[in-house]
Amino acid sequence: MADTSSITVGELLVRCLQLEGVDFMCGIVDGAHIPFVKHTDAYGIRYVNTRHEEGAVHIAEAYSRLSHKPSVVIGNPGPGAANALAGLTSAHGEGHPVVTIACTRRASVNSPDRGGAWQATDLVAMAKPITKYAGLISRADRVPDMVRAAFRAATVGRHGPAFLAIPDELLNETIDPTTLRLTPASQNRVIDLGSGDPQLISQAAELLANSQRPFIFAGKGVLWAKASDAFMELGDHLASPMSTTLGARGAVPEDHPR
């Protein structure tokens, strides 16, 4: 009799993404991804196939910027995921929480003793300089922990990309999810920063009220906090000129009189 309590690692990976609040991902499907991608509909995750992995990262950047949520890109083994790295340099520079998940070929092919396999690129080493977190999932029971670590790195503090690699043979293995710690994102990372310290807010308000020629300047945090309206109300109240960083364009309409 089949063990109905077990699921594949591919399904486990999708379940972990759902717990992180993921509802959209994009990329290019390789045969290695099928044990993973075939479960996305069942978990309410929309998948969009793209024509290039770098373009997929830029789509994910836009989605994160507009939805204020982390997004996911999948990359093929070797050159496919390497293409995504070009996009991740943008996500790193702009502070966008894009989590890229790349399949690697089976461990026997990636072994340093083999060498020369064109899809056996050390993707984690390539991704480390341009991500906040990069790691290889080498065991089924590490999937939840490493997914949590990637999303925590991508969304806590200054936002930025993260990178996970997983061998293709691992996705078809089965595991009992009841033996794992599967928890929602709110238990593992900061989701809502709250309204801040009232005393510090009062001090800041007093400084602004007593300033003679105030000028307020918005960074991208204003967009992530969905505080554009509050920022403009503050500028109108102070009758002060307003501006933004390049990354925060849109926080104030380009045709605003100040």
C-alpha atoms as a PDB file:
ATOM      1  CA  MET A   1       0.000   0.000   0.000  1.00  0.00           C
ATOM      2  CA  ALA A   2       1.316   3.449  -0.914  1.00  0.00           C
ATOM      3  CA  ASP A   3       2.284   5.804   1.891  1.00  0.00           C
ATOM      4  CA  THR A   4      -0.338   8.548   1.544  1.00  0.00           C
ATOM      5  CA  SER A   5       1.356  10.696   4.193  1.00  0.00           C
ATOM      6  CA  SER A   6       4.420  11.285   2.007  1.00  0.00           C
ATOM      7  CA  ILE A   7       4.830  13.897  -0.700  1.00  0.00           C
ATOM      8  CA  THR A   8       7.605  14.533  -3.192  1.00  0.00           C
ATOM      9  CA  VAL A   9      10.287  17.084  -2.489  1.00  0.00           C
ATOM     10  CA  GLY A  10       9.015  18.993  -5.518  1.00  0.00           C
ATOM     11  CA  GLU A  11       5.615  19.389  -3.856  1.00  0.00           C
ATOM     12  CA  LEU A  12       7.280  20.197  -0.528  1.00  0.00           C
ATOM     13  CA  LEU A  13       9.174  23.024  -2.196  1.00  0.00           C
ATOM     14  CA  VAL A  14       5.934  24.478  -3.599  1.00  0.00           C
ATOM     15  CA  ARG A  15       4.254  24.158  -0.195  1.00  0.00           C
ATOM     16  CA  CYS A  16       7.130  26.068   1.400  1.00  0.00           C
ATOM     17  CA  LEU A  17       6.765  28.837  -1.189  1.00  0.00           C
ATOM     18  CA  GLN A  18       3.044  29.066  -0.443  1.00  0.00           C
ATOM     19  CA  LEU A  19       3.824  29.461   3.274  1.00  0.00           C
ATOM     20  CA  GLU A  20       6.067  32.397   2.350  1.00  0.00           C
ATOM     21  CA  GLY A  21       3.124  34.096   0.655  1.00  0.00           C
ATOM     22  CA  VAL A  22       4.274  33.437  -2.918  1.00  0.00           C
ATOM     23  CA  ASP A  23       1.469  33.610  -5.490  1.00  0.00           C
ATOM     24  CA  PHE A  24       3.495  34.291  -8.656  1.00  0.00           C
ATOM     25  CA  MET A  25       6.664  32.973 -10.231  1.00  0.00           C
ATOM     26  CA  CYS A  26       8.199  32.935 -13.674  1.00  0.00           C
ATOM     27  CA  GLY A  27      11.083  31.475 -15.638  1.00  0.00           C
ATOM     28  CA  ILE A  28      11.740  28.767 -18.217  1.00  0.00           C
ATOM     29  CA  VAL A  29      10.662  25.200 -17.484  1.00  0.00           C
ATOM     30  CA  ASP A  30      13.256  22.491 -17.991  1.00  0.00           C
ATOM     31  CA  GLY A  31      12.513  18.794 -17.625  1.00  0.00           C
ATOM     32  CA  ALA A  32      14.197  18.967 -14.239  1.00  0.00           C
ATOM     33  CA  HIS A  33      11.525  21.369 -12.962  1.00  0.00           C
ATOM     34  CA  ILE A  34       8.467  19.266 -13.789  1.00  0.00           C
ATOM     35  CA  PRO A  35       8.284  17.507 -10.372  1.00  0.00           C
ATOM     36  CA  PHE A  36       8.186  20.995  -8.869  1.00  0.00           C
ATOM     37  CA  VAL A  37       6.217  23.201 -11.280  1.00  0.00           C
ATOM     38  CA  LYS A  38       3.372  20.701 -11.787  1.00  0.00           C
ATOM     39  CA  HIS A  39       2.156  21.440  -8.240  1.00  0.00           C
ATOM     40  CA  THR A  40       1.950  25.238  -8.496  1.00  0.00           C
ATOM     41  CA  ASP A  41      -1.718  25.428  -9.556  1.00  0.00           C
ATOM     42  CA  ALA A  42      -2.813  23.253  -6.636  1.00  0.00           C
ATOM     43  CA  TYR A  43      -1.152  25.673  -4.219  1.00  0.00           C
ATOM     44  CA  GLY A  44      -2.517  28.842  -5.794  1.00  0.00           C
ATOM     45  CA  ILE A  45       0.744  29.948  -7.413  1.00  0.00           C
ATOM     46  CA  ARG A  46       0.547  31.375 -10.925  1.00  0.00           C
ATOM     47  CA  TYR A  47       3.461  30.389 -13.160  1.00  0.00           C
ATOM     48  CA  VAL A  48       4.401  32.429 -16.253  1.00  0.00           C
ATOM     49  CA  ASN A  49       6.828  31.008 -18.810  1.00  0.00           C
ATOM     50  CA  THR A  50       9.262  33.560 -20.244  1.00  0.00           C
ATOM     51  CA  ARG A  51      11.680  33.616 -23.172  1.00  0.00           C
ATOM     52  CA  HIS A  52      14.850  34.324 -21.226  1.00  0.00           C
ATOM     53  CA  GLU A  53      15.885  33.926 -17.605  1.00  0.00           C
ATOM     54  CA  GLU A  54      17.247  37.464 -17.312  1.00  0.00           C
ATOM     55  CA  GLY A  55      13.901  38.780 -18.536  1.00  0.00           C
ATOM     56  CA  ALA A  56      12.174  36.582 -15.950  1.00  0.00           C
ATOM     57  CA  VAL A  57      14.124  38.284 -13.165  1.00  0.00           C
ATOM     58  CA  HIS A  58      13.148  41.729 -14.440  1.00  0.00           C
ATOM     59  CA  ILE A  59       9.487  40.637 -14.560  1.00  0.00           C
ATOM     60  CA  ALA A  60       9.827  39.407 -10.980  1.00  0.00           C
ATOM     61  CA  GLU A  61      11.410  42.718  -9.961  1.00  0.00           C
ATOM     62  CA  ALA A  62       8.437  44.610 -11.353  1.00  0.00           C
ATOM     63  CA  TYR A  63       6.006  42.251  -9.656  1.00  0.00           C
ATOM     64  CA  SER A  64       7.720  42.682  -6.285  1.00  0.00           C
ATOM     65  CA  ARG A  65       7.855  46.434  -6.667  1.00  0.00           C
ATOM     66  CA  LEU A  66       4.130  46.659  -7.441  1.00  0.00           C
ATOM     67  CA  SER A  67       2.865  43.974  -5.053  1.00  0.00           C
ATOM     68  CA  HIS A  68       5.275  44.748  -2.173  1.00  0.00           C
ATOM     69  CA  LYS A  69       5.947  41.012  -1.874  1.00  0.00           C
ATOM     70  CA  PRO A  70       8.890  38.735  -2.688  1.00  0.00           C
ATOM     71  CA  SER A  71       8.751  36.967  -6.047  1.00  0.00           C
ATOM     72  CA  VAL A  72      10.263  33.760  -7.418  1.00  0.00           C
ATOM     73  CA  VAL A  73      12.188  32.915 -10.594  1.00  0.00           C
ATOM     74  CA  ILE A  74      13.184  29.422 -11.691  1.00  0.00           C
ATOM     75  CA  GLY A  75      16.320  28.744 -13.697  1.00  0.00           C
ATOM     76  CA  ASN A  76      17.521  25.755 -15.701  1.00  0.00           C
ATOM     77  CA  PRO A  77      20.700  23.854 -14.855  1.00  0.00           C
ATOM     78  CA  GLY A  78      23.946  25.456 -15.942  1.00  0.00           C
ATOM     79  CA  PRO A  79      23.662  28.214 -18.569  1.00  0.00           C
ATOM     80  CA  GLY A  80      19.949  28.788 -17.963  1.00  0.00           C
ATOM     81  CA  ALA A  81      20.377  29.781 -14.335  1.00  0.00           C
ATOM     82  CA  ALA A  82      23.572  31.634 -15.261  1.00  0.00           C
ATOM     83  CA  ASN A  83      21.430  33.833 -17.523  1.00  0.00           C
ATOM     84  CA  ALA A  84      19.330  34.758 -14.491  1.00  0.00           C
ATOM     85  CA  LEU A  85      22.417  36.079 -12.710  1.00  0.00           C
ATOM     86  CA  ALA A  86      22.518  39.065 -15.061  1.00  0.00           C
ATOM     87  CA  GLY A  87      19.062  40.023 -13.840  1.00  0.00           C
ATOM     88  CA  LEU A  88      19.999  39.400 -10.217  1.00  0.00           C
ATOM     89  CA  THR A  89      22.678  42.088 -10.458  1.00  0.00           C
ATOM     90  CA  SER A  90      19.840  44.537 -11.075  1.00  0.00           C
ATOM     91  CA  ALA A  91      17.773  43.138  -8.191  1.00  0.00           C
ATOM     92  CA  HIS A  92      20.819  43.429  -5.939  1.00  0.00           C
ATOM     93  CA  GLY A  93      21.512  47.018  -6.903  1.00  0.00           C
ATOM     94  CA  GLU A  94      17.868  48.092  -6.716  1.00  0.00           C
ATOM     95  CA  GLY A  95      17.004  46.156  -3.564  1.00  0.00           C
ATOM     96  CA  HIS A  96      14.299  43.873  -4.952  1.00  0.00           C
ATOM     97  CA  PRO A  97      13.400  40.648  -3.070  1.00  0.00           C
ATOM     98  CA  VAL A  98      13.652  38.153  -5.929  1.00  0.00           C
ATOM     99  CA  VAL A  99      14.303  34.540  -4.908  1.00  0.00           C
ATOM    100  CA  THR A 100      15.757  32.451  -7.733  1.00  0.00           C
ATOM    101  CA  ILE A 101      15.481  28.666  -7.534  1.00  0.00           C
ATOM    102  CA  ALA A 102      17.737  26.777  -9.933  1.00  0.00           C
ATOM    103  CA  CYS A 103      17.903  23.069 -10.578  1.00  0.00           C
ATOM    104  CA  THR A 104      21.326  21.496 -10.874  1.00  0.00           C
ATOM    105  CA  ARG A 105      22.128  18.195 -12.495  1.00  0.00           C
ATOM    106  CA  ARG A 106      22.386  15.119 -10.291  1.00  0.00           C
ATOM    107  CA  ALA A 107      25.197  15.014  -7.784  1.00  0.00           C
ATOM    108  CA  SER A 108      27.127  12.389  -9.761  1.00  0.00           C
ATOM    109  CA  VAL A 109      27.377  14.801 -12.696  1.00  0.00           C
ATOM    110  CA  ASN A 110      28.260  17.812 -10.557  1.00  0.00           C
ATOM    111  CA  SER A 111      30.994  15.951  -8.710  1.00  0.00           C
ATOM    112  CA  PRO A 112      34.346  17.777  -8.893  1.00  0.00           C
ATOM    113  CA  ASP A 113      35.863  14.460  -9.994  1.00  0.00           C
ATOM    114  CA  ARG A 114      33.811  14.477 -13.178  1.00  0.00           C
ATOM    115  CA  GLY A 115      34.418  17.944 -14.547  1.00  0.00           C
ATOM    116  CA  GLY A 116      33.611  19.253 -17.996  1.00  0.00           C
ATOM    117  CA  ALA A 117      29.838  18.778 -17.889  1.00  0.00           C
ATOM    118  CA  TRP A 118      28.339  21.844 -19.541  1.00  0.00           C
ATOM    119  CA  GLN A 119      25.415  21.973 -17.099  1.00  0.00           C
ATOM    120  CA  ALA A 120      27.538  21.295 -14.019  1.00  0.00           C
ATOM    121  CA  THR A 121      28.280  24.953 -13.288  1.00  0.00           C
ATOM    122  CA  ASP A 122      28.860  25.950  -9.655  1.00  0.00           C
ATOM    123  CA  LEU A 123      25.873  28.289  -9.634  1.00  0.00           C
ATOM    124  CA  VAL A 124      25.951  28.981  -5.896  1.00  0.00           C
ATOM    125  CA  ALA A 125      29.504  30.319  -6.079  1.00  0.00           C
ATOM    126  CA  MET A 126      28.524  32.510  -9.039  1.00  0.00           C
ATOM    127  CA  ALA A 127      25.467  33.871  -7.224  1.00  0.00           C
ATOM    128  CA  LYS A 128      27.078  34.706  -3.867  1.00  0.00           C
ATOM    129  CA  PRO A 129      28.580  38.110  -4.836  1.00  0.00           C
ATOM    130  CA  ILE A 130      25.239  39.450  -6.116  1.00  0.00           C
ATOM    131  CA  THR A 131      22.774  38.017  -3.592  1.00  0.00           C
ATOM    132  CA  LYS A 132      22.069  38.349   0.109  1.00  0.00           C
ATOM    133  CA  TYR A 133      21.907  34.568   0.446  1.00  0.00           C
ATOM    134  CA  ALA A 134      22.984  31.672  -1.778  1.00  0.00           C
ATOM    135  CA  GLY A 135      22.881  28.000  -0.890  1.00  0.00           C
ATOM    136  CA  LEU A 136      22.618  24.440  -2.215  1.00  0.00           C
ATOM    137  CA  ILE A 137      19.797  22.258  -0.878  1.00  0.00           C
ATOM    138  CA  SER A 138      21.535  18.900  -0.570  1.00  0.00           C
ATOM    139  CA  ARG A 139      18.950  16.989   1.505  1.00  0.00           C
ATOM    140  CA  ALA A 140      15.165  16.780   1.426  1.00  0.00           C
ATOM    141  CA  ASP A 141      14.781  17.683   5.102  1.00  0.00           C
ATOM    142  CA  ARG A 142      16.688  20.941   4.554  1.00  0.00           C
ATOM    143  CA  VAL A 143      14.136  22.362   2.098  1.00  0.00           C
ATOM    144  CA  PRO A 144      11.957  24.227   4.655  1.00  0.00           C
ATOM    145  CA  ASP A 145      14.917  25.677   6.566  1.00  0.00           C
ATOM    146  CA  MET A 146      16.719  26.904   3.474  1.00  0.00           C
ATOM    147  CA  VAL A 147      13.590  28.365   1.872  1.00  0.00           C
ATOM    148  CA  ARG A 148      12.934  30.276   5.101  1.00  0.00           C
ATOM    149  CA  ALA A 149      16.545  31.477   5.180  1.00  0.00           C
ATOM    150  CA  ALA A 150      16.372  32.696   1.578  1.00  0.00           C
ATOM    151  CA  PHE A 151      13.147  34.649   2.084  1.00  0.00           C
ATOM    152  CA  ARG A 152      14.347  36.060   5.396  1.00  0.00           C
ATOM    153  CA  ALA A 153      17.522  37.348   3.755  1.00  0.00           C
ATOM    154  CA  ALA A 154      15.589  38.768   0.792  1.00  0.00           C
ATOM    155  CA  THR A 155      13.046  40.684   2.872  1.00  0.00           C
ATOM    156  CA  VAL A 156      14.642  41.668   6.189  1.00  0.00           C
ATOM    157  CA  GLY A 157      16.683  44.865   6.314  1.00  0.00           C
ATOM    158  CA  ARG A 158      17.518  46.247   2.897  1.00  0.00           C
ATOM    159  CA  HIS A 159      15.699  44.036   0.422  1.00  0.00           C
ATOM    160  CA  GLY A 160      17.648  42.061  -2.137  1.00  0.00           C
ATOM    161  CA  PRO A 161      17.817  38.805  -4.101  1.00  0.00           C
ATOM    162  CA  ALA A 162      18.477  35.299  -2.808  1.00  0.00           C
ATOM    163  CA  PHE A 163      19.481  32.142  -4.662  1.00  0.00           C
ATOM    164  CA  LEU A 164      18.755  28.466  -4.029  1.00  0.00           C
ATOM    165  CA  ALA A 165      20.060  25.510  -6.028  1.00  0.00           C
ATOM    166  CA  ILE A 166      18.612  22.002  -5.776  1.00  0.00           C
ATOM    167  CA  PRO A 167      19.770  18.809  -7.561  1.00  0.00           C
ATOM    168  CA  ASP A 168      17.166  17.500  -9.985  1.00  0.00           C
ATOM    169  CA  GLU A 169      17.143  13.963  -8.537  1.00  0.00           C
ATOM    170  CA  LEU A 170      16.120  15.345  -5.139  1.00  0.00           C
ATOM    171  CA  LEU A 171      12.783  16.679  -6.426  1.00  0.00           C
ATOM    172  CA  ASN A 172      11.379  13.172  -6.998  1.00  0.00           C
ATOM    173  CA  GLU A 173      12.320  11.853  -3.568  1.00  0.00           C
ATOM    174  CA  THR A 174       9.482  11.452  -1.082  1.00  0.00           C
ATOM    175  CA  ILE A 175       9.302  12.728   2.480  1.00  0.00           C
ATOM    176  CA  ASP A 176       6.728  12.801   5.266  1.00  0.00           C
ATOM    177  CA  PRO A 177       5.872  16.502   5.799  1.00  0.00           C
ATOM    178  CA  THR A 178       4.657  15.819   9.348  1.00  0.00           C
ATOM    179  CA  THR A 179       8.285  15.269  10.362  1.00  0.00           C
ATOM    180  CA  LEU A 180       9.219  18.805   9.280  1.00  0.00           C
ATOM    181  CA  ARG A 181       8.693  22.263  10.726  1.00  0.00           C
ATOM    182  CA  LEU A 182       6.383  23.976   8.234  1.00  0.00           C
ATOM    183  CA  THR A 183       5.336  27.411   9.480  1.00  0.00           C
ATOM    184  CA  PRO A 184       3.955  30.600   7.890  1.00  0.00           C
ATOM    185  CA  ALA A 185       6.269  33.462   7.058  1.00  0.00           C
ATOM    186  CA  SER A 186       4.987  35.561   9.969  1.00  0.00           C
ATOM    187  CA  GLN A 187       6.662  33.147  12.393  1.00  0.00           C
ATOM    188  CA  ASN A 188      10.061  33.338  10.714  1.00  0.00           C
ATOM    189  CA  ARG A 189      10.623  36.894   9.530  1.00  0.00           C
ATOM    190  CA  VAL A 190       9.347  40.418  10.005  1.00  0.00           C
ATOM    191  CA  ILE A 191       6.211  40.959   7.924  1.00  0.00           C
ATOM    192  CA  ASP A 192       4.929  44.226   9.426  1.00  0.00           C
ATOM    193  CA  LEU A 193       7.266  46.758  11.023  1.00  0.00           C
ATOM    194  CA  GLY A 194       4.392  48.465  12.799  1.00  0.00           C
ATOM    195  CA  SER A 195       3.959  52.197  13.276  1.00  0.00           C
ATOM    196  CA  GLY A 196       7.235  52.968  15.018  1.00  0.00           C
ATOM    197  CA  ASP A 197       8.142  54.398  18.424  1.00  0.00           C
ATOM    198  CA  PRO A 198       5.619  57.169  19.287  1.00  0.00           C
ATOM    199  CA  GLN A 199       8.231  59.130  21.208  1.00  0.00           C
ATOM    200  CA  LEU A 200      10.679  59.161  18.305  1.00  0.00           C
ATOM    201  CA  ILE A 201       7.887  60.062  15.886  1.00  0.00           C
ATOM    202  CA  SER A 202       6.937  62.984  18.142  1.00  0.00           C
ATOM    203  CA  GLN A 203      10.546  64.187  18.220  1.00  0.00           C
ATOM    204  CA  ALA A 204      10.798  63.996  14.433  1.00  0.00           C
ATOM    205  CA  ALA A 205       7.521  65.889  14.041  1.00  0.00           C
ATOM    206  CA  GLU A 206       8.779  68.630  16.350  1.00  0.00           C
ATOM    207  CA  LEU A 207      12.018  68.974  14.389  1.00  0.00           C
ATOM    208  CA  LEU A 208      10.105  69.272  11.126  1.00  0.00           C
ATOM    209  CA  ALA A 209       7.589  71.732  12.563  1.00  0.00           C
ATOM    210  CA  ASN A 210      10.371  73.996  13.821  1.00  0.00           C
ATOM    211  CA  SER A 211      12.482  73.836  10.656  1.00  0.00           C
ATOM    212  CA  GLN A 212      12.732  77.005   8.568  1.00  0.00           C
ATOM    213  CA  ARG A 213      13.251  75.648   5.037  1.00  0.00           C
ATOM    214  CA  PRO A 214      12.407  71.938   5.128  1.00  0.00           C
ATOM    215  CA  PHE A 215      13.023  69.676   2.161  1.00  0.00           C
ATOM    216  CA  ILE A 216      11.822  66.072   2.310  1.00  0.00           C
ATOM    217  CA  PHE A 217      13.425  63.311   0.288  1.00  0.00           C
ATOM    218  CA  ALA A 218      11.854  59.854  -0.120  1.00  0.00           C
ATOM    219  CA  GLY A 219      13.753  56.623  -0.516  1.00  0.00           C
ATOM    220  CA  LYS A 220      12.423  53.292  -1.746  1.00  0.00           C
ATOM    221  CA  GLY A 221      11.278  52.426   1.763  1.00  0.00           C
ATOM    222  CA  VAL A 222       8.371  54.812   1.247  1.00  0.00           C
ATOM    223  CA  LEU A 223       7.157  52.612  -1.614  1.00  0.00           C
ATOM    224  CA  TRP A 224       7.623  49.341   0.272  1.00  0.00           C
ATOM    225  CA  ALA A 225       5.739  50.793   3.247  1.00  0.00           C
ATOM    226  CA  LYS A 226       2.910  51.934   0.941  1.00  0.00           C
ATOM    227  CA  ALA A 227       3.408  55.385   2.447  1.00  0.00           C
ATOM    228  CA  SER A 228       3.361  57.556  -0.688  1.00  0.00           C
ATOM    229  CA  ASP A 229       0.118  59.298   0.307  1.00  0.00           C
ATOM    230  CA  ALA A 230       1.404  59.968   3.817  1.00  0.00           C
ATOM    231  CA  PHE A 231       4.658  61.326   2.388  1.00  0.00           C
ATOM    232  CA  MET A 232       2.807  63.777   0.129  1.00  0.00           C
ATOM    233  CA  GLU A 233       0.476  64.811   2.954  1.00  0.00           C
ATOM    234  CA  LEU A 234       3.522  65.620   5.057  1.00  0.00           C
ATOM    235  CA  GLY A 235       5.008  67.705   2.243  1.00  0.00           C
ATOM    236  CA  ASP A 236       1.732  69.555   1.737  1.00  0.00           C
ATOM    237  CA  HIS A 237       1.403  70.199   5.476  1.00  0.00           C
ATOM    238  CA  LEU A 238       4.932  71.609   5.652  1.00  0.00           C
ATOM    239  CA  ALA A 239       4.582  73.400   2.291  1.00  0.00           C
ATOM    240  CA  SER A 240       8.011  71.998   1.515  1.00  0.00           C
ATOM    241  CA  PRO A 241       9.569  70.839  -1.749  1.00  0.00           C
ATOM    242  CA  MET A 242       9.703  67.068  -2.214  1.00  0.00           C
ATOM    243  CA  SER A 243      11.899  64.703  -4.184  1.00  0.00           C
ATOM    244  CA  THR A 244      12.812  61.029  -4.344  1.00  0.00           C
ATOM    245  CA  THR A 245      15.709  58.763  -5.134  1.00  0.00           C
ATOM    246  CA  LEU A 246      15.682  57.163  -8.570  1.00  0.00           C
ATOM    247  CA  GLY A 247      14.495  53.926  -7.009  1.00  0.00           C
ATOM    248  CA  ALA A 248      11.570  55.671  -5.314  1.00  0.00           C
ATOM    249  CA  ARG A 249      10.240  57.416  -8.402  1.00  0.00           C
ATOM    250  CA  GLY A 250       6.489  57.195  -8.304  1.00  0.00           C
ATOM    251  CA  ALA A 251       6.202  57.991  -4.610  1.00  0.00           C
ATOM    252  CA  VAL A 252       5.448  61.567  -5.701  1.00  0.00           C
ATOM    253  CA  PRO A 253       3.746  62.257  -9.048  1.00  0.00           C
ATOM    254  CA  GLU A 254       6.134  63.719 -11.613  1.00  0.00           C
ATOM    255  CA  ASP A 255       3.755  66.640 -12.181  1.00  0.00           C
ATOM    256  CA  HIS A 256       3.391  67.520  -8.503  1.00  0.00           C
ATOM    257  CA  PRO A 257       3.725  71.316  -8.084  1.00  0.00           C
ATOM    258  CA  ARG A 258       6.485  70.912  -5.497  1.00  0.00           C
END
